[in-house]
PDB file of N, CA and C in Angstrom:
ATOM      1  N   MET A   1      88.756 108.256 103.390  1.00  0.00           N
ATOM      2  CA  MET A   1      89.387 109.341 102.822  1.00  0.00           C
ATOM      3  C   MET A   1      90.625 108.913 102.585  1.00  0.00           C
ATOM      4  N   LYS A   2      90.954 108.812 100.911  1.00  0.00           N
ATOM      5  CA  LYS A   2      92.086 108.093 100.236  1.00  0.00           C
ATOM      6  C   LYS A   2      92.894 109.547 100.328  1.00  0.00           C
ATOM      7  N   GLU A   3      94.450 109.680 100.393  1.00  0.00           N
ATOM      8  CA  GLU A   3      95.249 110.715 100.327  1.00  0.00           C
ATOM      9  C   GLU A   3      96.033 110.264  99.186  1.00  0.00           C
ATOM     10  N   GLU A   4      96.274 111.069  98.391  1.00  0.00           N
ATOM     11  CA  GLU A   4      97.433 111.003  97.579  1.00  0.00           C
ATOM     12  C   GLU A   4      98.600 111.698  97.806  1.00  0.00           C
ATOM     13  N   ILE A   5      99.816 110.895  97.611  1.00  0.00           N
ATOM     14  CA  ILE A   5     101.131 111.424  97.921  1.00  0.00           C
ATOM     15  C   ILE A   5     102.090 111.116  96.422  1.00  0.00           C
ATOM     16  N   THR A   6     102.904 112.407  96.187  1.00  0.00           N
ATOM     17  CA  THR A   6     103.938 111.820  95.206  1.00  0.00           C
ATOM     18  C   THR A   6     104.997 111.867  95.535  1.00  0.00           C
ATOM     19  N   LEU A   7     106.224 111.160  95.124  1.00  0.00           N
ATOM     20  CA  LEU A   7     107.343 111.012  95.858  1.00  0.00           C
ATOM     21  C   LEU A   7     108.273 111.053  94.465  1.00  0.00           C
ATOM     22  N   ASP A   8     109.324 112.050  94.459  1.00  0.00           N
ATOM     23  CA  ASP A   8     110.301 112.099  93.475  1.00  0.00           C
ATOM     24  C   ASP A   8     111.408 111.355  93.843  1.00  0.00           C
ATOM     25  N   VAL A   9     112.175 110.137  92.889  1.00  0.00           N
ATOM     26  CA  VAL A   9     112.963 109.622  93.436  1.00  0.00           C
ATOM     27  C   VAL A   9     114.294 109.709  92.839  1.00  0.00           C
ATOM     28  N   LYS A  10     114.396 110.939  91.993  1.00  0.00           N
ATOM     29  CA  LYS A  10     115.440 111.101  91.277  1.00  0.00           C
ATOM     30  C   LYS A  10     116.525 111.288  91.717  1.00  0.00           C
ATOM     31  N   GLY A  11     117.723 110.841  91.582  1.00  0.00           N
ATOM     32  CA  GLY A  11     118.955 110.861  92.222  1.00  0.00           C
ATOM     33  C   GLY A  11     119.169 110.183  94.000  1.00  0.00           C
ATOM     34  N   LYS A  12     118.045 109.577  94.177  1.00  0.00           N
ATOM     35  CA  LYS A  12     118.321 108.795  95.486  1.00  0.00           C
ATOM     36  C   LYS A  12     118.875 107.529  95.110  1.00  0.00           C
ATOM     37  N   SER A  13     119.160 106.920  96.365  1.00  0.00           N
ATOM     38  CA  SER A  13     119.750 105.392  96.171  1.00  0.00           C
ATOM     39  C   SER A  13     118.496 104.541  96.320  1.00  0.00           C
ATOM     40  N   LEU A  14     118.510 103.135  95.647  1.00  0.00           N
ATOM     41  CA  LEU A  14     117.430 102.480  95.925  1.00  0.00           C
ATOM     42  C   LEU A  14     116.978 102.333  97.190  1.00  0.00           C
ATOM     43  N   GLY A  15     117.675 102.174  98.325  1.00  0.00           N
ATOM     44  CA  GLY A  15     117.297 101.597  99.252  1.00  0.00           C
ATOM     45  C   GLY A  15     116.490 102.829 100.114  1.00  0.00           C
ATOM     46  N   ARG A  16     117.351 103.927 100.042  1.00  0.00           N
ATOM     47  CA  ARG A  16     116.608 104.832 100.871  1.00  0.00           C
ATOM     48  C   ARG A  16     115.349 105.115 100.357  1.00  0.00           C
ATOM     49  N   ALA A  17     115.095 105.083  99.097  1.00  0.00           N
ATOM     50  CA  ALA A  17     114.096 105.758  98.324  1.00  0.00           C
ATOM     51  C   ALA A  17     112.735 104.376  98.502  1.00  0.00           C
ATOM     52  N   ALA A  18     113.157 103.453  98.258  1.00  0.00           N
ATOM     53  CA  ALA A  18     112.210 102.233  99.146  1.00  0.00           C
ATOM     54  C   ALA A  18     111.902 102.433 100.310  1.00  0.00           C
ATOM     55  N   SER A  19     112.838 102.878 101.449  1.00  0.00           N
ATOM     56  CA  SER A  19     112.233 102.744 103.102  1.00  0.00           C
ATOM     57  C   SER A  19     111.666 103.870 103.495  1.00  0.00           C
ATOM     58  N   GLU A  20     112.045 104.871 102.345  1.00  0.00           N
ATOM     59  CA  GLU A  20     110.998 106.250 102.381  1.00  0.00           C
ATOM     60  C   GLU A  20     109.537 105.929 101.847  1.00  0.00           C
ATOM     61  N   ALA A  21     109.409 105.263 100.825  1.00  0.00           N
ATOM     62  CA  ALA A  21     108.168 104.804 100.206  1.00  0.00           C
ATOM     63  C   ALA A  21     107.261 104.114 101.201  1.00  0.00           C
ATOM     64  N   ALA A  22     107.947 102.941 101.772  1.00  0.00           N
ATOM     65  CA  ALA A  22     107.420 102.158 102.690  1.00  0.00           C
ATOM     66  C   ALA A  22     107.027 102.787 104.170  1.00  0.00           C
ATOM     67  N   VAL A  23     107.479 103.597 104.425  1.00  0.00           N
ATOM     68  CA  VAL A  23     107.054 104.568 105.570  1.00  0.00           C
ATOM     69  C   VAL A  23     105.703 105.268 105.105  1.00  0.00           C
ATOM     70  N   LEU A  24     106.015 105.806 104.006  1.00  0.00           N
ATOM     71  CA  LEU A  24     104.614 106.608 103.706  1.00  0.00           C
ATOM     72  C   LEU A  24     103.365 105.573 103.273  1.00  0.00           C
ATOM     73  N   LEU A  25     103.646 104.857 102.760  1.00  0.00           N
ATOM     74  CA  LEU A  25     102.392 103.783 102.370  1.00  0.00           C
ATOM     75  C   LEU A  25     102.048 103.460 103.600  1.00  0.00           C
ATOM     76  N   ARG A  26     102.768 103.042 104.904  1.00  0.00           N
ATOM     77  CA  ARG A  26     102.053 102.460 106.072  1.00  0.00           C
ATOM     78  C   ARG A  26     101.579 103.469 106.761  1.00  0.00           C
ATOM     79  N   GLY A  27     102.101 104.762 106.457  1.00  0.00           N
ATOM     80  CA  GLY A  27     101.688 105.654 107.160  1.00  0.00           C
ATOM     81  C   GLY A  27     102.221 105.942 108.661  1.00  0.00           C
ATOM     82  N   LYS A  28     103.399 105.355 108.500  1.00  0.00           N
ATOM     83  CA  LYS A  28     104.044 105.681 109.782  1.00  0.00           C
ATOM     84  C   LYS A  28     104.587 107.215 110.338  1.00  0.00           C
ATOM     85  N   ASN A  29     104.299 107.989 109.483  1.00  0.00           N
ATOM     86  CA  ASN A  29     104.833 109.458 109.586  1.00  0.00           C
ATOM     87  C   ASN A  29     103.627 110.301 110.159  1.00  0.00           C
ATOM     88  N   LEU A  30     102.475 109.433 110.466  1.00  0.00           N
ATOM     89  CA  LEU A  30     101.345 109.980 110.716  1.00  0.00           C
ATOM     90  C   LEU A  30     101.151 110.103 112.471  1.00  0.00           C
ATOM     91  N   PRO A  31     100.734 111.074 113.084  1.00  0.00           N
ATOM     92  CA  PRO A  31     100.618 110.885 114.245  1.00  0.00           C
ATOM     93  C   PRO A  31      99.721 109.795 114.982  1.00  0.00           C
ATOM     94  N   ASP A  32      98.739 109.635 113.909  1.00  0.00           N
ATOM     95  CA  ASP A  32      97.509 108.492 114.336  1.00  0.00           C
ATOM     96  C   ASP A  32      97.663 107.260 113.895  1.00  0.00           C
ATOM     97  N   PHE A  33      99.075 106.770 113.524  1.00  0.00           N
ATOM     98  CA  PHE A  33      99.680 105.331 112.883  1.00  0.00           C
ATOM     99  C   PHE A  33      99.212 104.234 113.964  1.00  0.00           C
ATOM    100  N   GLU A  34      98.537 103.221 113.703  1.00  0.00           N
ATOM    101  CA  GLU A  34      98.264 102.212 114.138  1.00  0.00           C
ATOM    102  C   GLU A  34      98.570 100.817 113.165  1.00  0.00           C
ATOM    103  N   PRO A  35      99.618 100.133 113.577  1.00  0.00           N
ATOM    104  CA  PRO A  35      99.854  98.921 112.882  1.00  0.00           C
ATOM    105  C   PRO A  35      98.992  98.018 112.080  1.00  0.00           C
ATOM    106  N   ARG A  36      97.665  97.800 113.137  1.00  0.00           N
ATOM    107  CA  ARG A  36      96.789  96.966 112.716  1.00  0.00           C
ATOM    108  C   ARG A  36      95.501  97.239 111.886  1.00  0.00           C
ATOM    109  N   ILE A  37      95.576  98.769 111.603  1.00  0.00           N
ATOM    110  CA  ILE A  37      94.899  99.209 110.546  1.00  0.00           C
ATOM    111  C   ILE A  37      95.733  99.280 109.080  1.00  0.00           C
ATOM    112  N   ARG A  38      94.870  98.837 108.446  1.00  0.00           N
ATOM    113  CA  ARG A  38      95.277  99.007 106.785  1.00  0.00           C
ATOM    114  C   ARG A  38      95.165 100.327 106.307  1.00  0.00           C
ATOM    115  N   PRO A  39      96.281 101.011 105.584  1.00  0.00           N
ATOM    116  CA  PRO A  39      96.238 102.339 105.283  1.00  0.00           C
ATOM    117  C   PRO A  39      95.634 102.586 103.842  1.00  0.00           C
ATOM    118  N   THR A  40      95.047 103.691 103.932  1.00  0.00           N
ATOM    119  CA  THR A  40      94.509 103.965 102.290  1.00  0.00           C
ATOM    120  C   THR A  40      95.282 104.822 101.864  1.00  0.00           C
ATOM    121  N   ARG A  41      96.285 105.193 101.944  1.00  0.00           N
ATOM    122  CA  ARG A  41      97.137 106.101 101.223  1.00  0.00           C
ATOM    123  C   ARG A  41      97.379 105.509  99.660  1.00  0.00           C
ATOM    124  N   HIS A  42      97.458 106.463  98.922  1.00  0.00           N
ATOM    125  CA  HIS A  42      98.174 105.976  97.457  1.00  0.00           C
ATOM    126  C   HIS A  42      99.419 106.965  97.287  1.00  0.00           C
ATOM    127  N   LEU A  43     100.188 106.097  96.837  1.00  0.00           N
ATOM    128  CA  LEU A  43     101.777 106.716  96.873  1.00  0.00           C
ATOM    129  C   LEU A  43     102.065 106.572  95.271  1.00  0.00           C
ATOM    130  N   THR A  44     102.536 107.715  94.433  1.00  0.00           N
ATOM    131  CA  THR A  44     102.684 107.815  93.401  1.00  0.00           C
ATOM    132  C   THR A  44     104.419 108.161  93.052  1.00  0.00           C
ATOM    133  N   ILE A  45     104.961 107.330  92.440  1.00  0.00           N
ATOM    134  CA  ILE A  45     106.623 107.442  92.470  1.00  0.00           C
ATOM    135  C   ILE A  45     106.856 108.299  91.159  1.00  0.00           C
ATOM    136  N   LYS A  46     107.869 109.094  90.888  1.00  0.00           N
ATOM    137  CA  LYS A  46     108.122 109.656  89.810  1.00  0.00           C
ATOM    138  C   LYS A  46     109.499 109.683  89.475  1.00  0.00           C
ATOM    139  N   ASN A  47     110.034 109.487  88.410  1.00  0.00           N
ATOM    140  CA  ASN A  47     111.527 109.408  87.886  1.00  0.00           C
ATOM    141  C   ASN A  47     112.223 108.031  88.482  1.00  0.00           C
ATOM    142  N   VAL A  48     111.305 107.009  88.241  1.00  0.00           N
ATOM    143  CA  VAL A  48     112.420 105.664  88.757  1.00  0.00           C
ATOM    144  C   VAL A  48     113.530 105.467  87.874  1.00  0.00           C
ATOM    145  N   LYS A  49     113.911 105.825  86.768  1.00  0.00           N
ATOM    146  CA  LYS A  49     114.711 105.639  86.085  1.00  0.00           C
ATOM    147  C   LYS A  49     115.949 106.644  86.389  1.00  0.00           C
ATOM    148  N   GLY A  50     115.675 107.467  87.234  1.00  0.00           N
ATOM    149  CA  GLY A  50     116.693 108.384  87.750  1.00  0.00           C
ATOM    150  C   GLY A  50     117.320 107.694  89.032  1.00  0.00           C
ATOM    151  N   LEU A  51     116.714 106.665  89.447  1.00  0.00           N
ATOM    152  CA  LEU A  51     117.644 105.947  90.893  1.00  0.00           C
ATOM    153  C   LEU A  51     119.056 105.934  90.576  1.00  0.00           C
ATOM    154  N   SER A  52     119.621 106.325  91.518  1.00  0.00           N
ATOM    155  CA  SER A  52     120.858 106.181  91.697  1.00  0.00           C
ATOM    156  C   SER A  52     121.385 104.544  92.130  1.00  0.00           C
ATOM    157  N   ILE A  53     122.025 104.125  91.484  1.00  0.00           N
ATOM    158  CA  ILE A  53     122.534 102.427  91.916  1.00  0.00           C
ATOM    159  C   ILE A  53     123.883 102.338  91.431  1.00  0.00           C
ATOM    160  N   HIS A  54     124.695 101.873  92.593  1.00  0.00           N
ATOM    161  CA  HIS A  54     125.790 101.460  92.446  1.00  0.00           C
ATOM    162  C   HIS A  54     126.450 100.393  91.335  1.00  0.00           C
ATOM    163  N   PRO A  55     127.718 100.639  90.530  1.00  0.00           N
ATOM    164  CA  PRO A  55     127.571  99.682  89.510  1.00  0.00           C
ATOM    165  C   PRO A  55     128.073  98.163  89.867  1.00  0.00           C
ATOM    166  N   THR A  56     128.619  97.980  91.016  1.00  0.00           N
ATOM    167  CA  THR A  56     128.956  96.693  92.010  1.00  0.00           C
ATOM    168  C   THR A  56     127.871  96.008  92.045  1.00  0.00           C
ATOM    169  N   LYS A  57     126.526  96.816  92.509  1.00  0.00           N
ATOM    170  CA  LYS A  57     125.164  96.435  92.894  1.00  0.00           C
ATOM    171  C   LYS A  57     124.598  95.651  91.548  1.00  0.00           C
ATOM    172  N   PHE A  58     124.699  96.282  90.182  1.00  0.00           N
ATOM    173  CA  PHE A  58     124.371  95.909  89.179  1.00  0.00           C
ATOM    174  C   PHE A  58     124.630  94.411  88.783  1.00  0.00           C
ATOM    175  N   ARG A  59     126.054  94.393  89.121  1.00  0.00           N
ATOM    176  CA  ARG A  59     126.753  93.052  88.796  1.00  0.00           C
ATOM    177  C   ARG A  59     126.310  91.870  89.804  1.00  0.00           C
ATOM    178  N   THR A  60     126.077  91.976  91.145  1.00  0.00           N
ATOM    179  CA  THR A  60     126.175  91.323  92.158  1.00  0.00           C
ATOM    180  C   THR A  60     124.849  90.771  92.724  1.00  0.00           C
ATOM    181  N   LYS A  61     123.955  91.745  92.517  1.00  0.00           N
ATOM    182  CA  LYS A  61     122.458  91.600  93.223  1.00  0.00           C
ATOM    183  C   LYS A  61     121.846  90.613  91.969  1.00  0.00           C
ATOM    184  N   VAL A  62     121.173  89.518  92.895  1.00  0.00           N
ATOM    185  CA  VAL A  62     120.640  88.485  92.269  1.00  0.00           C
ATOM    186  C   VAL A  62     119.082  88.554  92.785  1.00  0.00           C
ATOM    187  N   TYR A  63     118.212  88.332  91.831  1.00  0.00           N
ATOM    188  CA  TYR A  63     116.759  88.131  92.310  1.00  0.00           C
ATOM    189  C   TYR A  63     116.344  86.600  91.872  1.00  0.00           C
ATOM    190  N   LYS A  64     115.853  85.806  92.926  1.00  0.00           N
ATOM    191  CA  LYS A  64     115.525  84.468  92.502  1.00  0.00           C
ATOM    192  C   LYS A  64     113.698  84.363  92.546  1.00  0.00           C
ATOM    193  N   ASP A  65     113.383  83.594  91.641  1.00  0.00           N
ATOM    194  CA  ASP A  65     111.857  83.129  91.885  1.00  0.00           C
ATOM    195  C   ASP A  65     111.733  81.621  91.838  1.00  0.00           C
ATOM    196  N   TYR A  66     111.390  81.054  92.656  1.00  0.00           N
ATOM    197  CA  TYR A  66     110.996  79.587  93.072  1.00  0.00           C
ATOM    198  C   TYR A  66     109.596  79.297  92.690  1.00  0.00           C
ATOM    199  N   SER A  67     109.262  78.450  91.585  1.00  0.00           N
ATOM    200  CA  SER A  67     108.035  77.874  91.461  1.00  0.00           C
ATOM    201  C   SER A  67     107.511  76.823  92.168  1.00  0.00           C
ATOM    202  N   GLY A  68     108.349  76.045  93.144  1.00  0.00           N
ATOM    203  CA  GLY A  68     107.888  74.969  93.957  1.00  0.00           C
ATOM    204  C   GLY A  68     108.327  73.790  93.267  1.00  0.00           C
ATOM    205  N   TYR A  69     108.569  73.971  91.923  1.00  0.00           N
ATOM    206  CA  TYR A  69     108.928  72.580  91.086  1.00  0.00           C
ATOM    207  C   TYR A  69     110.370  72.140  90.859  1.00  0.00           C
ATOM    208  N   PRO A  70     111.037  70.897  90.917  1.00  0.00           N
ATOM    209  CA  PRO A  70     111.998  70.562  90.574  1.00  0.00           C
ATOM    210  C   PRO A  70     112.643  71.450  89.469  1.00  0.00           C
ATOM    211  N   GLY A  71     113.829  72.181  89.250  1.00  0.00           N
ATOM    212  CA  GLY A  71     114.032  73.133  88.081  1.00  0.00           C
ATOM    213  C   GLY A  71     113.527  74.208  87.842  1.00  0.00           C
ATOM    214  N   GLY A  72     112.797  74.727  88.793  1.00  0.00           N
ATOM    215  CA  GLY A  72     111.903  75.909  88.947  1.00  0.00           C
ATOM    216  C   GLY A  72     112.502  77.060  89.446  1.00  0.00           C
ATOM    217  N   LEU A  73     113.771  77.328  89.611  1.00  0.00           N
ATOM    218  CA  LEU A  73     114.397  78.450  90.129  1.00  0.00           C
ATOM    219  C   LEU A  73     114.819  79.287  89.007  1.00  0.00           C
ATOM    220  N   LYS A  74     114.337  80.433  88.999  1.00  0.00           N
ATOM    221  CA  LYS A  74     114.866  81.219  87.915  1.00  0.00           C
ATOM    222  C   LYS A  74     115.451  82.384  88.640  1.00  0.00           C
ATOM    223  N   GLU A  75     116.819  82.735  88.078  1.00  0.00           N
ATOM    224  CA  GLU A  75     117.584  83.825  88.746  1.00  0.00           C
ATOM    225  C   GLU A  75     117.725  84.713  87.515  1.00  0.00           C
ATOM    226  N   ARG A  76     117.637  86.186  87.952  1.00  0.00           N
ATOM    227  CA  ARG A  76     118.037  87.476  87.005  1.00  0.00           C
ATOM    228  C   ARG A  76     118.690  88.322  87.858  1.00  0.00           C
ATOM    229  N   SER A  77     119.657  88.943  87.164  1.00  0.00           N
ATOM    230  CA  SER A  77     120.590  89.987  87.965  1.00  0.00           C
ATOM    231  C   SER A  77     119.960  91.075  87.955  1.00  0.00           C
ATOM    232  N   LEU A  78     120.070  92.015  88.655  1.00  0.00           N
ATOM    233  CA  LEU A  78     119.631  93.525  89.060  1.00  0.00           C
ATOM    234  C   LEU A  78     119.491  94.065  87.470  1.00  0.00           C
ATOM    235  N   LYS A  79     121.032  94.091  86.941  1.00  0.00           N
ATOM    236  CA  LYS A  79     120.994  94.859  85.581  1.00  0.00           C
ATOM    237  C   LYS A  79     119.748  93.881  84.653  1.00  0.00           C
ATOM    238  N   GLU A  80     119.738  92.756  84.708  1.00  0.00           N
ATOM    239  CA  GLU A  80     118.895  92.343  83.637  1.00  0.00           C
ATOM    240  C   GLU A  80     117.426  93.041  83.901  1.00  0.00           C
ATOM    241  N   LEU A  81     116.663  92.781  85.410  1.00  0.00           N
ATOM    242  CA  LEU A  81     115.294  93.299  85.556  1.00  0.00           C
ATOM    243  C   LEU A  81     115.638  94.992  85.474  1.00  0.00           C
ATOM    244  N   TRP A  82     116.428  95.397  85.659  1.00  0.00           N
ATOM    245  CA  TRP A  82     116.578  97.020  85.406  1.00  0.00           C
ATOM    246  C   TRP A  82     116.053  97.403  84.074  1.00  0.00           C
ATOM    247  N   GLN A  83     117.067  96.742  83.087  1.00  0.00           N
ATOM    248  CA  GLN A  83     116.882  97.079  81.705  1.00  0.00           C
ATOM    249  C   GLN A  83     115.417  96.580  81.191  1.00  0.00           C
ATOM    250  N   LYS A  84     114.787  95.459  81.678  1.00  0.00           N
ATOM    251  CA  LYS A  84     113.546  95.113  81.066  1.00  0.00           C
ATOM    252  C   LYS A  84     112.353  96.084  81.791  1.00  0.00           C
ATOM    253  N   ASN A  85     112.479  96.413  83.452  1.00  0.00           N
ATOM    254  CA  ASN A  85     111.330  97.252  84.151  1.00  0.00           C
ATOM    255  C   ASN A  85     112.118  97.650  85.368  1.00  0.00           C
ATOM    256  N   PRO A  86     112.713  98.849  85.292  1.00  0.00           N
ATOM    257  CA  PRO A  86     113.027  99.657  86.472  1.00  0.00           C
ATOM    258  C   PRO A  86     111.688  99.738  87.446  1.00  0.00           C
ATOM    259  N   ARG A  87     110.786  99.611  87.266  1.00  0.00           N
ATOM    260  CA  ARG A  87     109.300  99.659  88.345  1.00  0.00           C
ATOM    261  C   ARG A  87     109.298  98.603  88.982  1.00  0.00           C
ATOM    262  N   GLU A  88     109.988  97.507  88.471  1.00  0.00           N
ATOM    263  CA  GLU A  88     109.864  96.292  89.053  1.00  0.00           C
ATOM    264  C   GLU A  88     111.008  95.891  90.213  1.00  0.00           C
ATOM    265  N   VAL A  89     111.838  96.621  90.018  1.00  0.00           N
ATOM    266  CA  VAL A  89     113.114  96.540  90.752  1.00  0.00           C
ATOM    267  C   VAL A  89     112.898  97.514  92.021  1.00  0.00           C
ATOM    268  N   PHE A  90     112.042  98.453  91.986  1.00  0.00           N
ATOM    269  CA  PHE A  90     111.496  99.274  92.889  1.00  0.00           C
ATOM    270  C   PHE A  90     110.593  98.877  93.675  1.00  0.00           C
ATOM    271  N   LYS A  91     109.673  98.008  92.948  1.00  0.00           N
ATOM    272  CA  LYS A  91     108.153  97.679  93.644  1.00  0.00           C
ATOM    273  C   LYS A  91     108.868  96.346  94.643  1.00  0.00           C
ATOM    274  N   ARG A  92     110.021  95.452  94.073  1.00  0.00           N
ATOM    275  CA  ARG A  92     110.451  94.375  94.923  1.00  0.00           C
ATOM    276  C   ARG A  92     111.446  94.953  96.341  1.00  0.00           C
ATOM    277  N   ALA A  93     112.012  96.102  95.948  1.00  0.00           N
ATOM    278  CA  ALA A  93     112.618  96.599  97.086  1.00  0.00           C
ATOM    279  C   ALA A  93     111.663  97.156  98.039  1.00  0.00           C
ATOM    280  N   VAL A  94     110.386  97.649  98.035  1.00  0.00           N
ATOM    281  CA  VAL A  94     109.947  98.293  98.785  1.00  0.00           C
ATOM    282  C   VAL A  94     108.901  97.257  99.363  1.00  0.00           C
ATOM    283  N   TRP A  95     108.504  95.893  98.594  1.00  0.00           N
ATOM    284  CA  TRP A  95     107.948  94.646  99.103  1.00  0.00           C
ATOM    285  C   TRP A  95     108.838  93.949 100.044  1.00  0.00           C
ATOM    286  N   GLY A  96     109.880  94.162  99.994  1.00  0.00           N
ATOM    287  CA  GLY A  96     111.120  93.979 101.313  1.00  0.00           C
ATOM    288  C   GLY A  96     110.947  94.462 102.467  1.00  0.00           C
ATOM    289  N   MET A  97     110.288  95.891 102.344  1.00  0.00           N
ATOM    290  CA  MET A  97     110.548  96.728 103.753  1.00  0.00           C
ATOM    291  C   MET A  97     108.822  96.810 104.393  1.00  0.00           C
ATOM    292  N   LEU A  98     108.026  96.068 103.771  1.00  0.00           N
ATOM    293  CA  LEU A  98     106.948  96.284 104.331  1.00  0.00           C
ATOM    294  C   LEU A  98     106.709  94.769 105.270  1.00  0.00           C
ATOM    295  N   PRO A  99     105.744  94.967 106.077  1.00  0.00           N
ATOM    296  CA  PRO A  99     105.540  93.716 107.335  1.00  0.00           C
ATOM    297  C   PRO A  99     105.122  92.623 106.739  1.00  0.00           C
ATOM    298  N   LYS A 100     105.708  91.306 107.115  1.00  0.00           N
ATOM    299  CA  LYS A 100     105.640  89.931 106.461  1.00  0.00           C
ATOM    300  C   LYS A 100     104.226  89.381 107.104  1.00  0.00           C
ATOM    301  N   ASN A 101     103.050  89.974 106.593  1.00  0.00           N
ATOM    302  CA  ASN A 101     101.807  89.449 107.198  1.00  0.00           C
ATOM    303  C   ASN A 101     100.566  89.704 105.916  1.00  0.00           C
ATOM    304  N   ARG A 102      99.641  89.657 106.462  1.00  0.00           N
ATOM    305  CA  ARG A 102      98.385  89.460 105.345  1.00  0.00           C
ATOM    306  C   ARG A 102      98.304  90.860 104.783  1.00  0.00           C
ATOM    307  N   SER A 103      98.506  92.069 105.248  1.00  0.00           N
ATOM    308  CA  SER A 103      98.430  93.170 105.247  1.00  0.00           C
ATOM    309  C   SER A 103      99.312  93.880 103.818  1.00  0.00           C
ATOM    310  N   ARG A 104     100.715  92.970 103.795  1.00  0.00           N
ATOM    311  CA  ARG A 104     101.571  93.360 102.847  1.00  0.00           C
ATOM    312  C   ARG A 104     100.986  93.448 101.246  1.00  0.00           C
ATOM    313  N   LYS A 105     100.269  92.358 100.900  1.00  0.00           N
ATOM    314  CA  LYS A 105      99.672  92.738  99.414  1.00  0.00           C
ATOM    315  C   LYS A 105      98.636  93.718  99.117  1.00  0.00           C
ATOM    316  N   HIS A 106      97.894  94.161 100.236  1.00  0.00           N
ATOM    317  CA  HIS A 106      96.995  95.350 100.065  1.00  0.00           C
ATOM    318  C   HIS A 106      97.884  96.496 100.237  1.00  0.00           C
ATOM    319  N   ILE A 107      98.624  96.409 100.912  1.00  0.00           N
ATOM    320  CA  ILE A 107      99.477  97.973 101.263  1.00  0.00           C
ATOM    321  C   ILE A 107     100.382  98.167  99.811  1.00  0.00           C
ATOM    322  N   ILE A 108     100.809  97.267  99.366  1.00  0.00           N
ATOM    323  CA  ILE A 108     101.531  97.012  97.905  1.00  0.00           C
ATOM    324  C   ILE A 108     100.802  97.754  96.811  1.00  0.00           C
ATOM    325  N   SER A 109      99.573  97.155  97.044  1.00  0.00           N
ATOM    326  CA  SER A 109      98.828  97.607  95.657  1.00  0.00           C
ATOM    327  C   SER A 109      98.320  99.215  95.720  1.00  0.00           C
ATOM    328  N   ASN A 110      98.857  99.958  96.578  1.00  0.00           N
ATOM    329  CA  ASN A 110      98.480 101.425  96.973  1.00  0.00           C
ATOM    330  C   ASN A 110      99.733 102.413  96.330  1.00  0.00           C
ATOM    331  N   LEU A 111     101.021 101.443  95.533  1.00  0.00           N
ATOM    332  CA  LEU A 111     102.027 101.957  95.014  1.00  0.00           C
ATOM    333  C   LEU A 111     101.645 101.902  93.764  1.00  0.00           C
ATOM    334  N   LYS A 112     101.797 103.041  93.204  1.00  0.00           N
ATOM    335  CA  LYS A 112     101.357 103.563  91.576  1.00  0.00           C
ATOM    336  C   LYS A 112     102.930 104.265  91.103  1.00  0.00           C
ATOM    337  N   PHE A 113     103.060 104.153  89.701  1.00  0.00           N
ATOM    338  CA  PHE A 113     104.086 104.780  89.264  1.00  0.00           C
ATOM    339  C   PHE A 113     103.556 105.941  87.935  1.00  0.00           C
ATOM    340  N   GLU A 114     104.436 106.700  87.865  1.00  0.00           N
ATOM    341  CA  GLU A 114     104.001 107.809  86.822  1.00  0.00           C
ATOM    342  C   GLU A 114     105.184 107.811  85.537  1.00  0.00           C
TER     343      GLU A 114
END
């Protein structure tokens, strides 16, 4: 049974909204939560552009991607990534709050945007 949940993040801070999304995706708010079982809940996020992010965070936060090759480090600021795709910023925040195991990529696939 797949459960559909909608979360409106307008006016919330990035970290608080991402932690709430991570809890809902894993099903930790349910009485029958078991860490070893992959959840089948789909979470739809609304109003990502309405997130509240502090101006200092826009200047100082840097996302790094490393290809594994010499000279393969790419750095982008939060401001650059936010202007290009705010959904990616939110998805990366939720990704960091999920457990670091095999289930993480399956859990994040249940995150959708409206």
